[in-house]
Amino acid sequence: MLYANFKYLLVWLVPLFGFAGFYYQSWLSPGSFYLGFVIIPLLEFFLPVNSNNDDELLKLSKAKSRFFDVLLYLNLPVLYFLLIYFIYIQNVHPINLVTWIFLVLNMGILLGVLGINVAHELGHRTHWFDKIIAQMLLLPCLYMHFTQEHNYWHHKYVATPLDPSTAKRNESIYAFWVRSIIGGYVNAVKLEKRRLSDFKMAFFSLNNKLLLQLAIEIFYLFAVWYFLGLITLISVLLAALIAILLLETINYIEHYGLMRKEIQTGHFEIVNPRHSWNSDHLLGRIFLYELTRHSHHHEKTTVKYQNLESMPQSPQLPFGYPASLLLSLIPPLWFNVMNRKLAIGGPK
């Protein structure tokens, strides 16, 4: 039981590496990049894949434990501290261009892992406190609309042509980025228009959650520019963009080439474990709060991360998430590996 709980404390290596990059700078300035895209992928090549699931008694105990929730909540003060420190170091002494680029990369990864990834978990929960924390985590990522679009569009239309967050077979990651980001915003607008229409409310009103989120994000950017200047504004914008691209790359590898059968026009088979790529590589599971057990997440979104299970009927990624993310950036190599996996057994 102790291991089942405390293995997630390894997650705190992410902000530790990030902080070290900000503090020491120079060749250490990439910080969290070294951990996420160098150390973890290398270790996962040698560590065994762990597909074991907990017994029912342990799952019940973990479901009741507040330890796992507190771990998520702590990401909020840690992330904002790192963001403030990131802004601070740019305004106290000159930083050369190369170091600045690496610092922005470092901050972007921190926003993606501690921000969007944790917000994804909390955004699926029903309690108002969890939802507020999720929105606060998404604010510096400039992606506050993500929860609505993800919960009510992606999960409904995943693995169909209607979902911009499902990558098509032979679609490059770079084309997918454009389609998914734009499509996500468009669908968020559709969902909000539908919600307001159901309550007979005007789209352009104080009741529009989407416009409120946009106003909060603009206010955040204006405050950064007004008090800290243009360079700092560019820094936080680029860091947010990196976080968004990290999220969208994860979307890309999670459902690449997997499509549900269309039973009749506009109606598809029910989502099942075959429509998400699963990964049981242990470090990726821990550092992303079990996001890699994605098939179970799509089957039952109410299951908290600590109780997500490996599903043997789901297609398995050949590498862990970090290595898969890097591979996806080289489309010919990605297609060569993943299209063969699709041909062998994955749904087309």
Protein backbone atom coordinates (compact mmCIF):
# COMPACT_ATOMS: atom_id res chain seq x y z
CA MET A 1 0.00 0.00 0.00
CA LEU A 2 2.85 2.37 0.78
CA TYR A 3 4.32 1.93 -2.70
CA ALA A 4 0.89 2.32 -4.30
CA ASN A 5 0.65 5.73 -2.62
CA PHE A 6 4.12 7.15 -2.53
CA LYS A 7 5.36 6.29 -6.02
CA TYR A 8 3.52 9.44 -7.19
CA LEU A 9 5.86 11.58 -5.10
CA LEU A 10 8.33 11.10 -7.96
CA VAL A 11 6.20 13.64 -9.83
CA TRP A 12 7.85 16.36 -7.75
CA LEU A 13 11.06 15.78 -9.66
CA VAL A 14 9.39 17.75 -12.48
CA PRO A 15 9.16 21.08 -10.60
CA LEU A 16 12.53 20.34 -8.97
CA PHE A 17 14.24 20.02 -12.36
CA GLY A 18 12.30 23.05 -13.59
CA PHE A 19 13.39 25.18 -10.65
CA ALA A 20 17.02 24.04 -11.04
CA GLY A 21 16.90 25.22 -14.65
CA PHE A 22 15.62 28.66 -13.64
CA TYR A 23 18.05 29.00 -10.74
CA TYR A 24 21.30 27.76 -12.30
CA GLN A 25 20.52 28.65 -15.95
CA SER A 26 23.39 28.14 -18.44
CA TRP A 27 23.36 24.52 -19.72
CA LEU A 28 20.88 23.58 -16.98
CA SER A 29 18.26 26.07 -18.18
CA PRO A 30 16.17 23.45 -20.08
CA GLY A 31 15.47 21.91 -16.64
CA SER A 32 12.32 19.80 -16.92
CA PHE A 33 13.13 18.99 -20.56
CA TYR A 34 16.09 16.88 -19.43
CA LEU A 35 13.86 14.86 -17.11
CA GLY A 36 10.89 14.47 -19.43
CA PHE A 37 12.56 13.93 -22.77
CA VAL A 38 16.02 12.59 -21.97
CA ILE A 39 16.14 10.76 -18.65
CA ILE A 40 12.66 9.17 -18.60
CA PRO A 41 12.71 7.89 -22.22
CA LEU A 42 16.16 6.35 -21.68
CA LEU A 43 15.12 4.67 -18.43
CA GLU A 44 11.90 3.35 -19.96
CA PHE A 45 13.87 1.46 -22.58
CA PHE A 46 15.36 -0.64 -19.78
CA LEU A 47 12.61 -0.74 -17.15
CA PRO A 48 9.98 -3.50 -17.48
CA VAL A 49 6.44 -2.57 -18.51
CA ASN A 50 4.03 -2.93 -15.61
CA SER A 51 0.53 -4.03 -16.68
CA ASN A 52 -0.58 -5.20 -13.25
CA ASN A 53 -3.85 -3.95 -11.82
CA ASP A 54 -4.69 -3.51 -8.13
CA ASP A 55 -7.04 -5.91 -6.38
CA GLU A 56 -10.50 -4.67 -5.42
CA LEU A 57 -9.60 -4.07 -1.76
CA LEU A 58 -6.64 -1.86 -2.64
CA LYS A 59 -8.66 0.06 -5.23
CA LEU A 60 -11.34 0.77 -2.64
CA SER A 61 -8.73 1.99 -0.17
CA LYS A 62 -7.07 4.24 -2.76
CA ALA A 63 -10.41 5.65 -3.89
CA LYS A 64 -11.10 6.86 -0.34
CA SER A 65 -7.63 8.28 0.30
CA ARG A 66 -7.32 12.08 0.19
CA PHE A 67 -3.58 11.71 -0.38
CA PHE A 68 -4.08 11.42 -4.13
CA ASP A 69 -6.28 14.53 -4.30
CA VAL A 70 -3.89 16.63 -2.21
CA LEU A 71 -1.06 15.71 -4.60
CA LEU A 72 -3.07 17.21 -7.43
CA TYR A 73 -4.05 20.37 -5.52
CA LEU A 74 -0.44 21.08 -4.56
CA ASN A 75 0.39 21.53 -8.24
CA LEU A 76 -1.43 24.88 -8.21
CA PRO A 77 0.81 26.77 -5.73
CA VAL A 78 3.92 25.04 -7.09
CA LEU A 79 3.10 25.97 -10.69
CA TYR A 80 2.34 29.61 -9.85
CA PHE A 81 5.51 29.88 -7.79
CA LEU A 82 7.55 28.61 -10.75
CA LEU A 83 5.73 30.96 -13.14
CA ILE A 84 6.39 33.97 -10.90
CA TYR A 85 10.04 32.95 -10.52
CA PHE A 86 10.32 32.48 -14.30
CA ILE A 87 9.01 36.03 -14.77
CA TYR A 88 11.18 37.40 -11.97
CA ILE A 89 14.52 36.11 -13.30
CA GLN A 90 13.89 37.77 -16.65
CA ASN A 91 13.51 41.16 -14.99
CA VAL A 92 16.46 41.20 -12.58
CA HIS A 93 19.45 40.71 -14.89
CA PRO A 94 20.16 40.23 -18.62
CA ILE A 95 19.73 36.75 -20.11
CA ASN A 96 21.33 35.73 -23.39
CA LEU A 97 19.09 34.55 -26.23
CA VAL A 98 19.95 30.83 -26.06
CA THR A 99 19.39 30.68 -22.30
CA TRP A 100 16.10 32.59 -22.70
CA ILE A 101 14.87 30.08 -25.31
CA PHE A 102 15.68 27.16 -23.01
CA LEU A 103 14.03 28.86 -20.04
CA VAL A 104 10.85 29.36 -22.08
CA LEU A 105 10.98 25.68 -23.13
CA ASN A 106 11.38 24.70 -19.48
CA MET A 107 8.39 26.83 -18.42
CA GLY A 108 6.27 25.49 -21.27
CA ILE A 109 6.85 21.90 -20.20
CA LEU A 110 6.04 22.80 -16.59
CA LEU A 111 2.78 24.42 -17.72
CA GLY A 112 1.92 21.32 -19.73
CA VAL A 113 2.74 18.72 -17.07
CA LEU A 114 1.77 20.54 -13.86
CA GLY A 115 -0.90 22.68 -15.49
CA ILE A 116 -2.89 21.15 -18.34
CA ASN A 117 -2.28 17.52 -17.39
CA VAL A 118 -3.47 18.01 -13.80
CA ALA A 119 -6.34 20.25 -14.97
CA HIS A 120 -7.46 17.42 -17.24
CA GLU A 121 -7.79 15.08 -14.25
CA LEU A 122 -9.56 17.63 -12.05
CA GLY A 123 -11.74 18.92 -14.88
CA HIS A 124 -13.48 15.54 -15.10
CA ARG A 125 -14.61 15.76 -11.49
CA THR A 126 -17.95 17.16 -10.38
CA HIS A 127 -17.06 19.10 -7.22
CA TRP A 128 -16.88 22.89 -7.66
CA PHE A 129 -13.51 23.08 -5.87
CA ASP A 130 -11.87 20.69 -8.33
CA LYS A 131 -13.28 22.61 -11.28
CA ILE A 132 -11.96 25.94 -9.96
CA ILE A 133 -8.48 24.48 -9.42
CA ALA A 134 -8.60 23.10 -12.96
CA GLN A 135 -9.45 26.52 -14.39
CA MET A 136 -6.70 28.21 -12.39
CA LEU A 137 -4.19 25.68 -13.71
CA LEU A 138 -5.35 26.31 -17.28
CA LEU A 139 -5.18 30.12 -17.01
CA PRO A 140 -1.40 30.60 -17.58
CA CYS A 141 -1.65 28.00 -20.36
CA LEU A 142 -4.26 30.21 -22.08
CA TYR A 143 -6.44 27.13 -22.57
CA MET A 144 -9.31 27.61 -20.15
CA HIS A 145 -11.84 26.41 -22.73
CA PHE A 146 -10.15 22.99 -22.75
CA THR A 147 -12.29 21.40 -20.03
CA GLN A 148 -15.60 22.08 -21.76
CA GLU A 149 -14.43 21.01 -25.20
CA HIS A 150 -12.59 17.96 -23.91
CA ASN A 151 -15.36 16.68 -21.62
CA TYR A 152 -18.36 17.31 -23.82
CA TRP A 153 -16.99 17.03 -27.36
CA HIS A 154 -13.82 14.94 -27.41
CA HIS A 155 -15.22 12.25 -25.11
CA LYS A 156 -18.45 12.07 -27.12
CA TYR A 157 -16.92 12.03 -30.60
CA VAL A 158 -13.48 10.50 -29.98
CA ALA A 159 -12.25 8.21 -32.75
CA THR A 160 -14.67 9.68 -35.28
CA PRO A 161 -14.22 12.27 -38.06
CA LEU A 162 -16.21 14.70 -35.89
CA ASP A 163 -13.43 14.94 -33.30
CA PRO A 164 -10.54 17.26 -34.22
CA SER A 165 -8.49 15.78 -31.34
CA THR A 166 -8.39 12.35 -32.96
CA ALA A 167 -5.44 12.04 -35.35
CA LYS A 168 -6.14 10.44 -38.70
CA ARG A 169 -3.93 7.72 -40.11
CA ASN A 170 -0.99 9.28 -42.06
CA GLU A 171 -1.80 12.75 -40.69
CA SER A 172 1.40 14.47 -39.60
CA ILE A 173 1.66 15.93 -36.12
CA TYR A 174 2.13 19.41 -37.62
CA ALA A 175 -1.10 19.27 -39.63
CA PHE A 176 -2.84 17.82 -36.59
CA TRP A 177 -1.71 20.70 -34.35
CA VAL A 178 -3.46 23.23 -36.59
CA ARG A 179 -6.62 21.15 -37.02
CA SER A 180 -6.95 20.23 -33.35
CA ILE A 181 -6.28 23.67 -31.89
CA ILE A 182 -8.62 25.50 -34.28
CA GLY A 183 -11.23 22.74 -34.11
CA GLY A 184 -11.13 22.75 -30.32
CA TYR A 185 -11.91 26.46 -30.17
CA VAL A 186 -14.68 26.13 -32.76
CA ASN A 187 -16.30 23.25 -30.88
CA ALA A 188 -16.02 25.11 -27.56
CA VAL A 189 -18.02 27.96 -29.13
CA LYS A 190 -20.62 25.48 -30.45
CA LEU A 191 -21.01 23.90 -27.02
CA GLU A 192 -21.38 27.26 -25.27
CA LYS A 193 -23.92 28.49 -27.84
CA ARG A 194 -25.90 25.29 -27.32
CA ARG A 195 -25.76 25.62 -23.52
CA LEU A 196 -26.88 29.24 -23.56
CA SER A 197 -29.63 28.47 -26.07
CA ASP A 198 -30.98 25.72 -23.80
CA PHE A 199 -31.32 28.32 -21.02
CA LYS A 200 -32.65 30.94 -23.47
CA MET A 201 -29.68 33.22 -22.82
CA ALA A 202 -27.89 35.46 -25.33
CA PHE A 203 -24.43 34.43 -26.53
CA PHE A 204 -22.98 37.88 -25.92
CA SER A 205 -23.83 38.18 -22.25
CA LEU A 206 -22.30 37.84 -18.80
CA ASN A 207 -23.61 34.27 -18.75
CA ASN A 208 -21.15 33.21 -21.46
CA LYS A 209 -18.44 31.14 -19.70
CA LEU A 210 -16.27 31.10 -22.80
CA LEU A 211 -16.18 34.91 -23.08
CA LEU A 212 -15.47 35.15 -19.35
CA GLN A 213 -12.53 32.77 -19.70
CA LEU A 214 -11.22 34.76 -22.65
CA ALA A 215 -11.54 38.02 -20.68
CA ILE A 216 -9.57 36.52 -17.77
CA GLU A 217 -6.80 35.34 -20.11
CA ILE A 218 -6.61 38.75 -21.82
CA PHE A 219 -6.47 40.49 -18.43
CA TYR A 220 -3.61 38.18 -17.38
CA LEU A 221 -1.66 38.98 -20.56
CA PHE A 222 -2.40 42.71 -20.27
CA ALA A 223 -1.15 42.76 -16.67
CA VAL A 224 2.07 40.98 -17.69
CA TRP A 225 2.65 43.46 -20.52
CA TYR A 226 1.69 46.57 -18.50
CA PHE A 227 3.79 45.82 -15.44
CA LEU A 228 6.64 43.75 -16.90
CA GLY A 229 7.01 44.70 -20.56
CA LEU A 230 6.90 43.19 -24.02
CA ILE A 231 9.69 40.61 -23.61
CA THR A 232 8.01 39.09 -20.57
CA LEU A 233 4.72 39.03 -22.46
CA ILE A 234 6.36 37.18 -25.33
CA SER A 235 7.91 34.75 -22.84
CA VAL A 236 4.61 33.78 -21.21
CA LEU A 237 2.89 33.56 -24.60
CA LEU A 238 5.55 31.21 -25.97
CA ALA A 239 5.55 29.12 -22.79
CA ALA A 240 1.77 28.76 -23.07
CA LEU A 241 2.12 27.77 -26.73
CA ILE A 242 4.63 25.05 -25.82
CA ALA A 243 2.22 23.72 -23.18
CA ILE A 244 -0.61 23.67 -25.72
CA LEU A 245 1.51 21.87 -28.30
CA LEU A 246 2.57 19.36 -25.66
CA LEU A 247 -1.09 18.67 -24.89
CA GLU A 248 -2.00 18.36 -28.56
CA THR A 249 0.92 16.01 -29.19
CA ILE A 250 -0.38 13.80 -26.39
CA ASN A 251 -3.81 13.92 -28.03
CA TYR A 252 -2.12 12.89 -31.26
CA ILE A 253 -0.47 9.74 -29.90
CA GLU A 254 -3.47 8.73 -27.77
CA HIS A 255 -5.83 8.03 -30.65
CA TYR A 256 -3.69 8.01 -33.80
CA GLY A 257 -5.41 6.07 -36.58
CA LEU A 258 -8.08 4.54 -34.33
CA MET A 259 -11.62 5.00 -35.66
CA ARG A 260 -15.01 3.78 -34.50
CA LYS A 261 -17.24 2.04 -37.01
CA GLU A 262 -20.06 4.18 -38.40
CA ILE A 263 -23.25 2.16 -37.84
CA GLN A 264 -25.40 4.63 -39.77
CA THR A 265 -24.84 8.18 -40.96
CA GLY A 266 -23.65 10.23 -38.01
CA HIS A 267 -23.97 7.35 -35.55
CA PHE A 268 -21.00 5.32 -34.38
CA GLU A 269 -20.32 2.25 -32.31
CA ILE A 270 -19.88 2.80 -28.59
CA VAL A 271 -16.38 3.80 -27.46
CA ASN A 272 -14.43 0.80 -26.25
CA PRO A 273 -10.82 0.11 -25.17
CA ARG A 274 -9.73 -0.47 -28.79
CA HIS A 275 -10.16 3.24 -29.54
CA SER A 276 -7.26 4.54 -27.41
CA TRP A 277 -3.59 3.66 -27.34
CA ASN A 278 -2.56 2.38 -23.92
CA SER A 279 0.89 2.56 -22.33
CA ASP A 280 1.95 0.72 -19.18
CA HIS A 281 5.49 2.09 -19.10
CA LEU A 282 5.86 2.79 -15.40
CA LEU A 283 7.60 6.18 -15.33
CA GLY A 284 5.25 7.73 -17.88
CA ARG A 285 2.32 6.46 -15.82
CA ILE A 286 3.65 8.04 -12.65
CA PHE A 287 4.78 11.39 -14.04
CA LEU A 288 1.52 11.93 -15.95
CA TYR A 289 -0.79 10.71 -13.19
CA GLU A 290 -1.76 7.56 -15.12
CA LEU A 291 -2.91 9.49 -18.19
CA THR A 292 -1.16 6.78 -20.19
CA ARG A 293 -3.82 4.26 -19.16
CA HIS A 294 -6.04 6.14 -21.53
CA SER A 295 -8.34 3.36 -22.66
CA HIS A 296 -9.81 2.93 -19.19
CA HIS A 297 -10.13 6.71 -18.84
CA HIS A 298 -12.31 6.85 -21.97
CA GLU A 299 -14.36 3.88 -20.86
CA LYS A 300 -15.16 5.43 -17.48
CA THR A 301 -14.19 9.07 -16.97
CA THR A 302 -15.29 9.10 -13.31
CA VAL A 303 -12.45 6.76 -12.26
CA LYS A 304 -9.73 8.74 -10.51
CA TYR A 305 -6.19 8.46 -11.81
CA GLN A 306 -4.93 6.22 -8.99
CA ASN A 307 -7.42 3.51 -9.96
CA LEU A 308 -7.09 3.52 -13.74
CA GLU A 309 -6.37 0.03 -15.05
CA SER A 310 -4.45 -1.56 -17.88
CA MET A 311 -6.85 -3.01 -20.43
CA PRO A 312 -5.36 -5.92 -22.37
CA GLN A 313 -7.81 -5.51 -25.26
CA SER A 314 -6.58 -1.98 -26.00
CA PRO A 315 -3.80 -1.36 -28.56
CA GLN A 316 -0.44 -0.81 -26.87
CA LEU A 317 2.03 1.92 -27.73
CA PRO A 318 5.44 0.43 -28.55
CA PHE A 319 7.16 3.06 -26.38
CA GLY A 320 6.28 5.14 -23.34
CA TYR A 321 4.64 8.54 -23.74
CA PRO A 322 7.83 10.66 -23.70
CA ALA A 323 9.56 8.55 -26.36
CA SER A 324 6.34 8.41 -28.41
CA LEU A 325 6.01 12.20 -28.27
CA LEU A 326 9.53 12.60 -29.62
CA LEU A 327 8.96 9.98 -32.31
CA SER A 328 5.78 11.71 -33.49
CA LEU A 329 7.81 14.82 -34.33
CA ILE A 330 9.47 12.84 -37.16
CA PRO A 331 6.41 11.82 -39.24
CA PRO A 332 8.13 9.25 -41.54
CA LEU A 333 9.46 7.32 -38.54
CA TRP A 334 6.17 7.62 -36.68
CA PHE A 335 4.17 6.35 -39.66
CA ASN A 336 6.59 3.48 -40.18
CA VAL A 337 6.19 2.28 -36.60
CA MET A 338 2.54 3.03 -35.91
CA ASN A 339 1.03 2.06 -39.25
CA ARG A 340 2.53 -1.38 -38.82
CA LYS A 341 0.94 -1.55 -35.37
CA LEU A 342 -2.39 -0.60 -36.91
CA ALA A 343 -2.02 -3.24 -39.62
CA ILE A 344 -1.24 -5.95 -37.06
CA GLY A 345 -4.19 -5.45 -34.77
CA GLY A 346 -5.36 -1.90 -34.14
CA PRO A 347 -8.70 -0.65 -35.45
CA LYS A 348 -8.40 1.32 -38.67
